[in-house]
Amino acid sequence: MKIILFIDGRNFISKINSIFNSKKEIDFSTYNFSGLFDRALSDIKIDKKIFYIGKIIMHKETAEKSEKLIQKQRGLKNNLEKQGFKVVYGRRVRGFE
């Protein structure tokens, strides 16, 4: 039987941020997600890891903020793929101020 790990990216990242509870922003483009799961789930052989995130799009009203968020998401995606995760984009993220 194959074991597949499904991760709700937004909720997972929010939880990591709340655990660290710091004002300093965590750089998820370098975060060791595989190390965390390998340690937490050391008794389980995971065959596939899937990380779901909402796709961030450019909003004219908040173009500068949108661009920063898009760049951060690209870094996150590249980092996850290097660690063997499949990244799946869900619905678009709605902009807000």
Foldseek 3Di string as FASTA:
>chain_A
DAAEAEAAAVVVVVVVCVVVVDPDDDQLLADDPVVVCCVVVVVDDHPAYEYEEAAEDADPVPRVVSVVVNVSVVSNCVSCVVVRHHYDHDHHDDDDD
